[in-house]
Amino acid sequence: MCKITPNPPETDPASPYESNDSKKFHHAAERALDHYLKPATAIMAAPYKPSTMFLINPETDAESLLANACESLASASVMLGDVAGLVDGPIRKTLLGIAQVVMLGELAVNRALDKVEIAG
């Protein structure tokens, strides 16, 4: 009878800890893998602390903040559209997609602004 599966490949029976050189190589490889593949636990454990370089006056009312955000988003949308008109291919599609997300944000801010005006 014919054997359908091949014989398993022959493996090197030597342990990575057989000699001092192989131990050093193994430890160096582990450090390299840890450096590139393990998440930076110190960064992920640190709480997010926003930059204080640019501060908004805490006494600014919500309506003014929303109006400013709306104008900023509208400007970003126009800038993205202008740049998208200058390029072709996948970059253009990416820019137009970002412009659409910005427009959706602008719509949401406009709606929030409407609610603030109605309540106020």
PDB file of N, CA and C in Angstrom:
ATOM      1  N   MET A   1       0.826  -1.171   0.000  1.00  0.00           N
ATOM      2  CA  MET A   1       0.000   0.000   0.000  1.00  0.00           C
ATOM      3  C   MET A   1       0.882   1.250   0.000  1.00  0.00           C
ATOM      4  N   CYS A   2       0.488   2.261  -0.770  1.00  0.00           N
ATOM      5  CA  CYS A   2       1.253   3.504  -0.905  1.00  0.00           C
ATOM      6  C   CYS A   2       0.911   4.456   0.232  1.00  0.00           C
ATOM      7  N   LYS A   3       1.903   5.118   0.733  1.00  0.00           N
ATOM      8  CA  LYS A   3       1.686   6.113   1.789  1.00  0.00           C
ATOM      9  C   LYS A   3       1.341   7.444   1.129  1.00  0.00           C
ATOM     10  N   ILE A   4       0.201   8.034   1.512  1.00  0.00           N
ATOM     11  CA  ILE A   4      -0.268   9.263   0.871  1.00  0.00           C
ATOM     12  C   ILE A   4       0.486  10.486   1.400  1.00  0.00           C
ATOM     13  N   THR A   5       0.692  10.560   2.705  1.00  0.00           N
ATOM     14  CA  THR A   5       1.371  11.721   3.286  1.00  0.00           C
ATOM     15  C   THR A   5       2.865  11.500   3.307  1.00  0.00           C
ATOM     16  N   PRO A   6       3.649  12.582   3.106  1.00  0.00           N
ATOM     17  CA  PRO A   6       5.109  12.423   3.148  1.00  0.00           C
ATOM     18  C   PRO A   6       5.593  12.267   4.578  1.00  0.00           C
ATOM     19  N   ASN A   7       6.792  11.820   4.713  1.00  0.00           N
ATOM     20  CA  ASN A   7       7.410  11.703   6.034  1.00  0.00           C
ATOM     21  C   ASN A   7       7.587  13.100   6.613  1.00  0.00           C
ATOM     22  N   PRO A   8       7.485  13.245   7.929  1.00  0.00           N
ATOM     23  CA  PRO A   8       7.708  14.566   8.515  1.00  0.00           C
ATOM     24  C   PRO A   8       9.140  15.016   8.249  1.00  0.00           C
ATOM     25  N   PRO A   9       9.338  16.331   8.129  1.00  0.00           N
ATOM     26  CA  PRO A   9      10.701  16.812   7.871  1.00  0.00           C
ATOM     27  C   PRO A   9      11.607  16.512   9.052  1.00  0.00           C
ATOM     28  N   GLU A  10      12.841  16.297   8.726  1.00  0.00           N
ATOM     29  CA  GLU A  10      13.816  16.045   9.786  1.00  0.00           C
ATOM     30  C   GLU A  10      14.140  17.364  10.464  1.00  0.00           C
ATOM     31  N   THR A  11      14.112  17.375  11.784  1.00  0.00           N
ATOM     32  CA  THR A  11      14.401  18.596  12.533  1.00  0.00           C
ATOM     33  C   THR A  11      15.740  18.466  13.216  1.00  0.00           C
ATOM     34  N   ASP A  12      16.312  19.605  13.492  1.00  0.00           N
ATOM     35  CA  ASP A  12      17.585  19.623  14.191  1.00  0.00           C
ATOM     36  C   ASP A  12      17.304  19.375  15.677  1.00  0.00           C
ATOM     37  N   PRO A  13      17.810  18.313  16.232  1.00  0.00           N
ATOM     38  CA  PRO A  13      17.511  18.005  17.631  1.00  0.00           C
ATOM     39  C   PRO A  13      18.234  18.910  18.627  1.00  0.00           C
ATOM     40  N   ALA A  14      19.078  19.829  18.134  1.00  0.00           N
ATOM     41  CA  ALA A  14      19.841  20.689  19.049  1.00  0.00           C
ATOM     42  C   ALA A  14      18.920  21.701  19.718  1.00  0.00           C
ATOM     43  N   SER A  15      19.100  21.902  20.986  1.00  0.00           N
ATOM     44  CA  SER A  15      18.323  22.864  21.758  1.00  0.00           C
ATOM     45  C   SER A  15      18.910  24.261  21.530  1.00  0.00           C
ATOM     46  N   PRO A  16      18.093  25.315  21.599  1.00  0.00           N
ATOM     47  CA  PRO A  16      18.665  26.647  21.460  1.00  0.00           C
ATOM     48  C   PRO A  16      19.580  26.998  22.632  1.00  0.00           C
ATOM     49  N   TYR A  17      19.540  26.199  23.680  1.00  0.00           N
ATOM     50  CA  TYR A  17      20.378  26.465  24.849  1.00  0.00           C
ATOM     51  C   TYR A  17      21.557  25.510  24.939  1.00  0.00           C
ATOM     52  N   GLU A  18      21.919  24.919  23.820  1.00  0.00           N
ATOM     53  CA  GLU A  18      22.982  23.922  23.831  1.00  0.00           C
ATOM     54  C   GLU A  18      24.345  24.541  24.104  1.00  0.00           C
ATOM     55  N   SER A  19      24.613  25.715  23.526  1.00  0.00           N
ATOM     56  CA  SER A  19      25.905  26.357  23.746  1.00  0.00           C
ATOM     57  C   SER A  19      25.683  27.799  24.184  1.00  0.00           C
ATOM     58  N   ASN A  20      26.760  28.412  24.660  1.00  0.00           N
ATOM     59  CA  ASN A  20      26.656  29.808  25.092  1.00  0.00           C
ATOM     60  C   ASN A  20      26.294  30.726  23.936  1.00  0.00           C
ATOM     61  N   ASP A  21      26.850  30.458  22.743  1.00  0.00           N
ATOM     62  CA  ASP A  21      26.553  31.293  21.582  1.00  0.00           C
ATOM     63  C   ASP A  21      25.084  31.185  21.201  1.00  0.00           C
ATOM     64  N   SER A  22      24.530  29.979  21.247  1.00  0.00           N
ATOM     65  CA  SER A  22      23.125  29.833  20.882  1.00  0.00           C
ATOM     66  C   SER A  22      22.226  30.482  21.937  1.00  0.00           C
ATOM     67  N   LYS A  23      22.637  30.468  23.199  1.00  0.00           N
ATOM     68  CA  LYS A  23      21.873  31.144  24.245  1.00  0.00           C
ATOM     69  C   LYS A  23      21.863  32.647  24.005  1.00  0.00           C
ATOM     70  N   LYS A  24      23.041  33.214  23.683  1.00  0.00           N
ATOM     71  CA  LYS A  24      23.133  34.642  23.426  1.00  0.00           C
ATOM     72  C   LYS A  24      22.272  35.021  22.227  1.00  0.00           C
ATOM     73  N   PHE A  25      22.344  34.222  21.171  1.00  0.00           N
ATOM     74  CA  PHE A  25      21.554  34.487  19.975  1.00  0.00           C
ATOM     75  C   PHE A  25      20.065  34.424  20.290  1.00  0.00           C
ATOM     76  N   HIS A  26      19.668  33.414  21.060  1.00  0.00           N
ATOM     77  CA  HIS A  26      18.261  33.249  21.411  1.00  0.00           C
ATOM     78  C   HIS A  26      17.763  34.446  22.236  1.00  0.00           C
ATOM     79  N   HIS A  27      18.559  34.881  23.222  1.00  0.00           N
ATOM     80  CA  HIS A  27      18.166  36.026  24.043  1.00  0.00           C
ATOM     81  C   HIS A  27      18.107  37.312  23.212  1.00  0.00           C
ATOM     82  N   ALA A  28      19.056  37.471  22.298  1.00  0.00           N
ATOM     83  CA  ALA A  28      19.045  38.653  21.434  1.00  0.00           C
ATOM     84  C   ALA A  28      17.808  38.652  20.539  1.00  0.00           C
ATOM     85  N   ALA A  29      17.463  37.489  20.020  1.00  0.00           N
ATOM     86  CA  ALA A  29      16.265  37.390  19.177  1.00  0.00           C
ATOM     87  C   ALA A  29      15.009  37.691  19.985  1.00  0.00           C
ATOM     88  N   GLU A  30      14.928  37.198  21.202  1.00  0.00           N
ATOM     89  CA  GLU A  30      13.773  37.467  22.065  1.00  0.00           C
ATOM     90  C   GLU A  30      13.650  38.958  22.362  1.00  0.00           C
ATOM     91  N   ARG A  31      14.769  39.625  22.663  1.00  0.00           N
ATOM     92  CA  ARG A  31      14.740  41.064  22.930  1.00  0.00           C
ATOM     93  C   ARG A  31      14.272  41.832  21.701  1.00  0.00           C
ATOM     94  N   ALA A  32      14.759  41.434  20.524  1.00  0.00           N
ATOM     95  CA  ALA A  32      14.353  42.118  19.291  1.00  0.00           C
ATOM     96  C   ALA A  32      12.860  41.929  19.035  1.00  0.00           C
ATOM     97  N   LEU A  33      12.378  40.721  19.221  1.00  0.00           N
ATOM     98  CA  LEU A  33      10.952  40.472  19.024  1.00  0.00           C
ATOM     99  C   LEU A  33      10.108  41.240  20.039  1.00  0.00           C
ATOM    100  N   ASP A  34      10.543  41.267  21.279  1.00  0.00           N
ATOM    101  CA  ASP A  34       9.817  42.019  22.304  1.00  0.00           C
ATOM    102  C   ASP A  34       9.790  43.509  21.975  1.00  0.00           C
ATOM    103  N   HIS A  35      10.923  44.009  21.490  1.00  0.00           N
ATOM    104  CA  HIS A  35      11.011  45.434  21.170  1.00  0.00           C
ATOM    105  C   HIS A  35      10.032  45.815  20.066  1.00  0.00           C
ATOM    106  N   TYR A  36       9.924  44.989  19.032  1.00  0.00           N
ATOM    107  CA  TYR A  36       9.093  45.339  17.890  1.00  0.00           C
ATOM    108  C   TYR A  36       7.655  44.847  17.983  1.00  0.00           C
ATOM    109  N   LEU A  37       7.392  43.806  18.740  1.00  0.00           N
ATOM    110  CA  LEU A  37       6.059  43.218  18.720  1.00  0.00           C
ATOM    111  C   LEU A  37       5.233  43.449  19.978  1.00  0.00           C
ATOM    112  N   LYS A  38       5.863  43.673  21.109  1.00  0.00           N
ATOM    113  CA  LYS A  38       5.094  43.887  22.338  1.00  0.00           C
ATOM    114  C   LYS A  38       4.642  45.336  22.394  1.00  0.00           C
ATOM    115  N   PRO A  39       3.424  45.591  22.866  1.00  0.00           N
ATOM    116  CA  PRO A  39       2.968  46.975  22.964  1.00  0.00           C
ATOM    117  C   PRO A  39       3.749  47.727  24.033  1.00  0.00           C
ATOM    118  N   ALA A  40       3.838  49.009  23.844  1.00  0.00           N
ATOM    119  CA  ALA A  40       4.531  49.859  24.812  1.00  0.00           C
ATOM    120  C   ALA A  40       3.625  50.045  26.020  1.00  0.00           C
ATOM    121  N   THR A  41       3.816  49.210  27.028  1.00  0.00           N
ATOM    122  CA  THR A  41       2.921  49.225  28.184  1.00  0.00           C
ATOM    123  C   THR A  41       3.020  50.533  28.956  1.00  0.00           C
ATOM    124  N   ALA A  42       4.193  51.140  28.984  1.00  0.00           N
ATOM    125  CA  ALA A  42       4.334  52.400  29.723  1.00  0.00           C
ATOM    126  C   ALA A  42       3.505  53.493  29.062  1.00  0.00           C
ATOM    127  N   ILE A  43       3.479  53.521  27.741  1.00  0.00           N
ATOM    128  CA  ILE A  43       2.709  54.535  27.027  1.00  0.00           C
ATOM    129  C   ILE A  43       1.221  54.266  27.199  1.00  0.00           C
ATOM    130  N   MET A  44       0.829  53.006  27.090  1.00  0.00           N
ATOM    131  CA  MET A  44      -0.582  52.666  27.158  1.00  0.00           C
ATOM    132  C   MET A  44      -1.125  52.809  28.582  1.00  0.00           C
ATOM    133  N   ALA A  45      -0.278  52.680  29.576  1.00  0.00           N
ATOM    134  CA  ALA A  45      -0.731  52.772  30.956  1.00  0.00           C
ATOM    135  C   ALA A  45      -0.860  54.216  31.417  1.00  0.00           C
ATOM    136  N   ALA A  46      -0.128  55.122  30.749  1.00  0.00           N
ATOM    137  CA  ALA A  46      -0.174  56.525  31.159  1.00  0.00           C
ATOM    138  C   ALA A  46      -1.520  57.135  30.769  1.00  0.00           C
ATOM    139  N   PRO A  47      -2.146  57.869  31.678  1.00  0.00           N
ATOM    140  CA  PRO A  47      -3.431  58.503  31.345  1.00  0.00           C
ATOM    141  C   PRO A  47      -3.215  59.627  30.336  1.00  0.00           C
ATOM    142  N   TYR A  48      -4.219  59.861  29.503  1.00  0.00           N
ATOM    143  CA  TYR A  48      -4.136  60.922  28.499  1.00  0.00           C
ATOM    144  C   TYR A  48      -4.191  62.274  29.187  1.00  0.00           C
ATOM    145  N   LYS A  49      -3.237  63.105  28.873  1.00  0.00           N
ATOM    146  CA  LYS A  49      -3.208  64.454  29.438  1.00  0.00           C
ATOM    147  C   LYS A  49      -3.115  65.419  28.260  1.00  0.00           C
ATOM    148  N   PRO A  50      -4.169  66.181  27.995  1.00  0.00           N
ATOM    149  CA  PRO A  50      -4.132  67.087  26.854  1.00  0.00           C
ATOM    150  C   PRO A  50      -3.073  68.163  27.019  1.00  0.00           C
ATOM    151  N   SER A  51      -2.572  68.626  25.895  1.00  0.00           N
ATOM    152  CA  SER A  51      -1.570  69.680  25.908  1.00  0.00           C
ATOM    153  C   SER A  51      -2.189  70.978  26.407  1.00  0.00           C
ATOM    154  N   THR A  52      -1.426  71.727  27.145  1.00  0.00           N
ATOM    155  CA  THR A  52      -1.918  73.009  27.642  1.00  0.00           C
ATOM    156  C   THR A  52      -1.351  74.165  26.828  1.00  0.00           C
ATOM    157  N   MET A  53      -0.736  73.858  25.672  1.00  0.00           N
ATOM    158  CA  MET A  53      -0.164  74.917  24.857  1.00  0.00           C
ATOM    159  C   MET A  53      -1.256  75.855  24.332  1.00  0.00           C
ATOM    160  N   PHE A  54      -2.342  75.272  23.855  1.00  0.00           N
ATOM    161  CA  PHE A  54      -3.447  76.070  23.348  1.00  0.00           C
ATOM    162  C   PHE A  54      -4.658  75.811  24.222  1.00  0.00           C
ATOM    163  N   LEU A  55      -5.061  76.791  24.942  1.00  0.00           N
ATOM    164  CA  LEU A  55      -6.192  76.648  25.844  1.00  0.00           C
ATOM    165  C   LEU A  55      -7.365  77.490  25.354  1.00  0.00           C
ATOM    166  N   ILE A  56      -8.565  76.992  25.560  1.00  0.00           N
ATOM    167  CA  ILE A  56      -9.770  77.743  25.269  1.00  0.00           C
ATOM    168  C   ILE A  56     -10.246  78.329  26.584  1.00  0.00           C
ATOM    169  N   ASN A  57     -10.648  79.550  26.512  1.00  0.00           N
ATOM    170  CA  ASN A  57     -11.141  80.226  27.698  1.00  0.00           C
ATOM    171  C   ASN A  57     -12.293  79.411  28.284  1.00  0.00           C
ATOM    172  N   PRO A  58     -12.169  78.949  29.527  1.00  0.00           N
ATOM    173  CA  PRO A  58     -13.228  78.130  30.119  1.00  0.00           C
ATOM    174  C   PRO A  58     -14.554  78.865  30.273  1.00  0.00           C
ATOM    175  N   GLU A  59     -14.534  80.180  30.175  1.00  0.00           N
ATOM    176  CA  GLU A  59     -15.771  80.944  30.312  1.00  0.00           C
ATOM    177  C   GLU A  59     -16.492  81.161  28.975  1.00  0.00           C
ATOM    178  N   THR A  60     -15.921  80.649  27.877  1.00  0.00           N
ATOM    179  CA  THR A  60     -16.563  80.789  26.572  1.00  0.00           C
ATOM    180  C   THR A  60     -17.833  79.953  26.550  1.00  0.00           C
ATOM    181  N   ASP A  61     -18.920  80.553  26.057  1.00  0.00           N
ATOM    182  CA  ASP A  61     -20.203  79.837  26.060  1.00  0.00           C
ATOM    183  C   ASP A  61     -20.232  78.777  24.955  1.00  0.00           C
ATOM    184  N   ALA A  62     -21.126  77.804  25.132  1.00  0.00           N
ATOM    185  CA  ALA A  62     -21.221  76.666  24.215  1.00  0.00           C
ATOM    186  C   ALA A  62     -21.572  77.100  22.802  1.00  0.00           C
ATOM    187  N   GLU A  63     -22.423  78.102  22.669  1.00  0.00           N
ATOM    188  CA  GLU A  63     -22.833  78.553  21.340  1.00  0.00           C
ATOM    189  C   GLU A  63     -21.634  79.093  20.558  1.00  0.00           C
ATOM    190  N   SER A  64     -20.781  79.865  21.204  1.00  0.00           N
ATOM    191  CA  SER A  64     -19.592  80.409  20.540  1.00  0.00           C
ATOM    192  C   SER A  64     -18.631  79.296  20.144  1.00  0.00           C
ATOM    193  N   LEU A  65     -18.453  78.319  21.040  1.00  0.00           N
ATOM    194  CA  LEU A  65     -17.575  77.189  20.731  1.00  0.00           C
ATOM    195  C   LEU A  65     -18.102  76.394  19.542  1.00  0.00           C
ATOM    196  N   LEU A  66     -19.401  76.135  19.527  1.00  0.00           N
ATOM    197  CA  LEU A  66     -19.989  75.385  18.414  1.00  0.00           C
ATOM    198  C   LEU A  66     -19.909  76.166  17.111  1.00  0.00           C
ATOM    199  N   ALA A  67     -20.135  77.473  17.166  1.00  0.00           N
ATOM    200  CA  ALA A  67     -20.043  78.293  15.953  1.00  0.00           C
ATOM    201  C   ALA A  67     -18.625  78.275  15.398  1.00  0.00           C
ATOM    202  N   ASN A  68     -17.640  78.362  16.291  1.00  0.00           N
ATOM    203  CA  ASN A  68     -16.248  78.316  15.854  1.00  0.00           C
ATOM    204  C   ASN A  68     -15.896  76.961  15.277  1.00  0.00           C
ATOM    205  N   ALA A  69     -16.357  75.892  15.914  1.00  0.00           N
ATOM    206  CA  ALA A  69     -16.098  74.542  15.409  1.00  0.00           C
ATOM    207  C   ALA A  69     -16.738  74.355  14.040  1.00  0.00           C
ATOM    208  N   CYS A  70     -17.940  74.887  13.862  1.00  0.00           N
ATOM    209  CA  CYS A  70     -18.641  74.784  12.591  1.00  0.00           C
ATOM    210  C   CYS A  70     -17.857  75.491  11.486  1.00  0.00           C
ATOM    211  N   GLU A  71     -17.362  76.691  11.766  1.00  0.00           N
ATOM    212  CA  GLU A  71     -16.577  77.433  10.785  1.00  0.00           C
ATOM    213  C   GLU A  71     -15.265  76.721  10.467  1.00  0.00           C
ATOM    214  N   SER A  72     -14.625  76.141  11.472  1.00  0.00           N
ATOM    215  CA  SER A  72     -13.371  75.405  11.243  1.00  0.00           C
ATOM    216  C   SER A  72     -13.605  74.183  10.368  1.00  0.00           C
ATOM    217  N   LEU A  73     -14.684  73.459  10.647  1.00  0.00           N
ATOM    218  CA  LEU A  73     -14.996  72.280   9.839  1.00  0.00           C
ATOM    219  C   LEU A  73     -15.363  72.666   8.405  1.00  0.00           C
ATOM    220  N   ALA A  74     -16.092  73.765   8.239  1.00  0.00           N
ATOM    221  CA  ALA A  74     -16.431  74.229   6.893  1.00  0.00           C
ATOM    222  C   ALA A  74     -15.168  74.602   6.124  1.00  0.00           C
ATOM    223  N   SER A  75     -14.224  75.264   6.783  1.00  0.00           N
ATOM    224  CA  SER A  75     -12.957  75.627   6.140  1.00  0.00           C
ATOM    225  C   SER A  75     -12.164  74.384   5.762  1.00  0.00           C
ATOM    226  N   ALA A  76     -12.119  73.414   6.649  1.00  0.00           N
ATOM    227  CA  ALA A  76     -11.403  72.171   6.364  1.00  0.00           C
ATOM    228  C   ALA A  76     -12.028  71.453   5.173  1.00  0.00           C
ATOM    229  N   SER A  77     -13.340  71.455   5.100  1.00  0.00           N
ATOM    230  CA  SER A  77     -14.041  70.816   3.996  1.00  0.00           C
ATOM    231  C   SER A  77     -13.678  71.466   2.668  1.00  0.00           C
ATOM    232  N   VAL A  78     -13.654  72.792   2.630  1.00  0.00           N
ATOM    233  CA  VAL A  78     -13.300  73.515   1.409  1.00  0.00           C
ATOM    234  C   VAL A  78     -11.848  73.233   1.031  1.00  0.00           C
ATOM    235  N   MET A  79     -10.947  73.253   2.011  1.00  0.00           N
ATOM    236  CA  MET A  79      -9.531  72.983   1.719  1.00  0.00           C
ATOM    237  C   MET A  79      -9.344  71.579   1.165  1.00  0.00           C
ATOM    238  N   LEU A  80     -10.008  70.597   1.757  1.00  0.00           N
ATOM    239  CA  LEU A  80      -9.905  69.229   1.253  1.00  0.00           C
ATOM    240  C   LEU A  80     -10.442  69.121  -0.164  1.00  0.00           C
ATOM    241  N   GLY A  81     -11.549  69.791  -0.441  1.00  0.00           N
ATOM    242  CA  GLY A  81     -12.100  69.778  -1.795  1.00  0.00           C
ATOM    243  C   GLY A  81     -11.159  70.408  -2.793  1.00  0.00           C
ATOM    244  N   ASP A  82     -10.523  71.511  -2.408  1.00  0.00           N
ATOM    245  CA  ASP A  82      -9.565  72.168  -3.299  1.00  0.00           C
ATOM    246  C   ASP A  82      -8.376  71.276  -3.605  1.00  0.00           C
ATOM    247  N   VAL A  83      -7.818  70.644  -2.600  1.00  0.00           N
ATOM    248  CA  VAL A  83      -6.664  69.769  -2.810  1.00  0.00           C
ATOM    249  C   VAL A  83      -7.083  68.528  -3.608  1.00  0.00           C
ATOM    250  N   ALA A  84      -8.263  67.992  -3.338  1.00  0.00           N
ATOM    251  CA  ALA A  84      -8.741  66.819  -4.078  1.00  0.00           C
ATOM    252  C   ALA A  84      -8.894  67.138  -5.567  1.00  0.00           C
ATOM    253  N   GLY A  85      -9.200  68.405  -5.889  1.00  0.00           N
ATOM    254  CA  GLY A  85      -9.320  68.801  -7.285  1.00  0.00           C
ATOM    255  C   GLY A  85      -7.989  68.847  -8.008  1.00  0.00           C
ATOM    256  N   LEU A  86      -6.902  68.846  -7.266  1.00  0.00           N
ATOM    257  CA  LEU A  86      -5.566  68.927  -7.875  1.00  0.00           C
ATOM    258  C   LEU A  86      -4.915  67.576  -8.101  1.00  0.00           C
ATOM    259  N   VAL A  87      -5.461  66.515  -7.503  1.00  0.00           N
ATOM    260  CA  VAL A  87      -4.830  65.191  -7.606  1.00  0.00           C
ATOM    261  C   VAL A  87      -5.800  64.202  -8.251  1.00  0.00           C
ATOM    262  N   ASP A  88      -5.247  63.066  -8.672  1.00  0.00           N
ATOM    263  CA  ASP A  88      -6.051  62.015  -9.296  1.00  0.00           C
ATOM    264  C   ASP A  88      -5.849  60.701  -8.554  1.00  0.00           C
ATOM    265  N   GLY A  89      -6.671  59.736  -8.902  1.00  0.00           N
ATOM    266  CA  GLY A  89      -6.500  58.368  -8.425  1.00  0.00           C
ATOM    267  C   GLY A  89      -6.924  58.173  -6.991  1.00  0.00           C
ATOM    268  N   PRO A  90      -6.279  57.206  -6.335  1.00  0.00           N
ATOM    269  CA  PRO A  90      -6.676  56.829  -4.975  1.00  0.00           C
ATOM    270  C   PRO A  90      -6.510  57.962  -3.964  1.00  0.00           C
ATOM    271  N   ILE A  91      -5.534  58.831  -4.181  1.00  0.00           N
ATOM    272  CA  ILE A  91      -5.336  59.935  -3.236  1.00  0.00           C
ATOM    273  C   ILE A  91      -6.548  60.861  -3.275  1.00  0.00           C
ATOM    274  N   ARG A  92      -7.079  61.094  -4.477  1.00  0.00           N
ATOM    275  CA  ARG A  92      -8.265  61.945  -4.611  1.00  0.00           C
ATOM    276  C   ARG A  92      -9.443  61.331  -3.859  1.00  0.00           C
ATOM    277  N   LYS A  93      -9.620  60.027  -4.023  1.00  0.00           N
ATOM    278  CA  LYS A  93     -10.723  59.348  -3.332  1.00  0.00           C
ATOM    279  C   LYS A  93     -10.555  59.431  -1.824  1.00  0.00           C
ATOM    280  N   THR A  94      -9.337  59.297  -1.353  1.00  0.00           N
ATOM    281  CA  THR A  94      -9.075  59.402   0.079  1.00  0.00           C
ATOM    282  C   THR A  94      -9.406  60.804   0.585  1.00  0.00           C
ATOM    283  N   LEU A  95      -8.963  61.818  -0.139  1.00  0.00           N
ATOM    284  CA  LEU A  95      -9.239  63.197   0.272  1.00  0.00           C
ATOM    285  C   LEU A  95     -10.739  63.488   0.257  1.00  0.00           C
ATOM    286  N   LEU A  96     -11.440  62.993  -0.754  1.00  0.00           N
ATOM    287  CA  LEU A  96     -12.881  63.214  -0.807  1.00  0.00           C
ATOM    288  C   LEU A  96     -13.596  62.477   0.328  1.00  0.00           C
ATOM    289  N   GLY A  97     -13.088  61.299   0.704  1.00  0.00           N
ATOM    290  CA  GLY A  97     -13.650  60.577   1.845  1.00  0.00           C
ATOM    291  C   GLY A  97     -13.449  61.335   3.143  1.00  0.00           C
ATOM    292  N   ILE A  98     -12.266  61.897   3.322  1.00  0.00           N
ATOM    293  CA  ILE A  98     -12.004  62.699   4.515  1.00  0.00           C
ATOM    294  C   ILE A  98     -12.897  63.936   4.513  1.00  0.00           C
ATOM    295  N   ALA A  99     -13.058  64.562   3.340  1.00  0.00           N
ATOM    296  CA  ALA A  99     -13.929  65.741   3.236  1.00  0.00           C
ATOM    297  C   ALA A  99     -15.361  65.390   3.626  1.00  0.00           C
ATOM    298  N   GLN A 100     -15.802  64.193   3.244  1.00  0.00           N
ATOM    299  CA  GLN A 100     -17.157  63.779   3.599  1.00  0.00           C
ATOM    300  C   GLN A 100     -17.302  63.601   5.111  1.00  0.00           C
ATOM    301  N   VAL A 101     -16.302  63.014   5.743  1.00  0.00           N
ATOM    302  CA  VAL A 101     -16.339  62.848   7.199  1.00  0.00           C
ATOM    303  C   VAL A 101     -16.357  64.223   7.888  1.00  0.00           C
ATOM    304  N   VAL A 102     -15.574  65.162   7.358  1.00  0.00           N
ATOM    305  CA  VAL A 102     -15.563  66.517   7.922  1.00  0.00           C
ATOM    306  C   VAL A 102     -16.937  67.160   7.758  1.00  0.00           C
ATOM    307  N   MET A 103     -17.560  66.965   6.578  1.00  0.00           N
ATOM    308  CA  MET A 103     -18.901  67.530   6.368  1.00  0.00           C
ATOM    309  C   MET A 103     -19.920  66.935   7.330  1.00  0.00           C
ATOM    310  N   LEU A 104     -19.796  65.640   7.607  1.00  0.00           N
ATOM    311  CA  LEU A 104     -20.705  65.021   8.578  1.00  0.00           C
ATOM    312  C   LEU A 104     -20.500  65.618   9.972  1.00  0.00           C
ATOM    313  N   GLY A 105     -19.260  65.879  10.325  1.00  0.00           N
ATOM    314  CA  GLY A 105     -18.974  66.542  11.591  1.00  0.00           C
ATOM    315  C   GLY A 105     -19.557  67.939  11.622  1.00  0.00           C
ATOM    316  N   GLU A 106     -19.453  68.638  10.498  1.00  0.00           N
ATOM    317  CA  GLU A 106     -20.022  69.985  10.411  1.00  0.00           C
ATOM    318  C   GLU A 106     -21.539  69.948  10.586  1.00  0.00           C
ATOM    319  N   LEU A 107     -22.186  68.953   9.960  1.00  0.00           N
ATOM    320  CA  LEU A 107     -23.634  68.819  10.123  1.00  0.00           C
ATOM    321  C   LEU A 107     -24.017  68.558  11.580  1.00  0.00           C
ATOM    322  N   ALA A 108     -23.242  67.702  12.241  1.00  0.00           N
ATOM    323  CA  ALA A 108     -23.526  67.397  13.642  1.00  0.00           C
ATOM    324  C   ALA A 108     -23.351  68.644  14.515  1.00  0.00           C
ATOM    325  N   VAL A 109     -22.310  69.403  14.265  1.00  0.00           N
ATOM    326  CA  VAL A 109     -22.079  70.619  15.043  1.00  0.00           C
ATOM    327  C   VAL A 109     -23.182  71.630  14.764  1.00  0.00           C
ATOM    328  N   ASN A 110     -23.604  71.732  13.494  1.00  0.00           N
ATOM    329  CA  ASN A 110     -24.712  72.647  13.165  1.00  0.00           C
ATOM    330  C   ASN A 110     -25.985  72.263  13.909  1.00  0.00           C
ATOM    331  N   ARG A 111     -26.256  70.964  13.977  1.00  0.00           N
ATOM    332  CA  ARG A 111     -27.454  70.489  14.685  1.00  0.00           C
ATOM    333  C   ARG A 111     -27.358  70.824  16.173  1.00  0.00           C
ATOM    334  N   ALA A 112     -26.173  70.608  16.758  1.00  0.00           N
ATOM    335  CA  ALA A 112     -25.972  70.953  18.170  1.00  0.00           C
ATOM    336  C   ALA A 112     -26.130  72.460  18.378  1.00  0.00           C
ATOM    337  N   LEU A 113     -25.645  73.248  17.412  1.00  0.00           N
ATOM    338  CA  LEU A 113     -25.783  74.694  17.497  1.00  0.00           C
ATOM    339  C   LEU A 113     -27.258  75.102  17.441  1.00  0.00           C
ATOM    340  N   ASP A 114     -28.028  74.428  16.584  1.00  0.00           N
ATOM    341  CA  ASP A 114     -29.480  74.693  16.523  1.00  0.00           C
ATOM    342  C   ASP A 114     -30.132  74.425  17.869  1.00  0.00           C
ATOM    343  N   LYS A 115     -29.748  73.319  18.501  1.00  0.00           N
ATOM    344  CA  LYS A 115     -30.344  72.974  19.802  1.00  0.00           C
ATOM    345  C   LYS A 115     -29.968  73.989  20.873  1.00  0.00           C
ATOM    346  N   VAL A 116     -28.734  74.482  20.821  1.00  0.00           N
ATOM    347  CA  VAL A 116     -28.305  75.492  21.796  1.00  0.00           C
ATOM    348  C   VAL A 116     -29.073  76.784  21.595  1.00  0.00           C
ATOM    349  N   GLU A 117     -29.290  77.165  20.327  1.00  0.00           N
ATOM    350  CA  GLU A 117     -30.038  78.399  20.044  1.00  0.00           C
ATOM    351  C   GLU A 117     -31.491  78.274  20.475  1.00  0.00           C
ATOM    352  N   ILE A 118     -32.088  77.086  20.269  1.00  0.00           N
ATOM    353  CA  ILE A 118     -33.492  76.867  20.651  1.00  0.00           C
ATOM    354  C   ILE A 118     -33.621  76.918  22.177  1.00  0.00           C
ATOM    355  N   ALA A 119     -32.679  76.268  22.877  1.00  0.00           N
ATOM    356  CA  ALA A 119     -32.751  76.229  24.337  1.00  0.00           C
ATOM    357  C   ALA A 119     -32.445  77.584  24.946  1.00  0.00           C
ATOM    358  N   GLY A 120     -31.630  78.373  24.258  1.00  0.00           N
ATOM    359  CA  GLY A 120     -31.167  79.629  24.830  1.00  0.00           C
ATOM    360  C   GLY A 120     -32.045  80.774  24.602  1.00  0.00           C
TER     361      GLY A 120
END
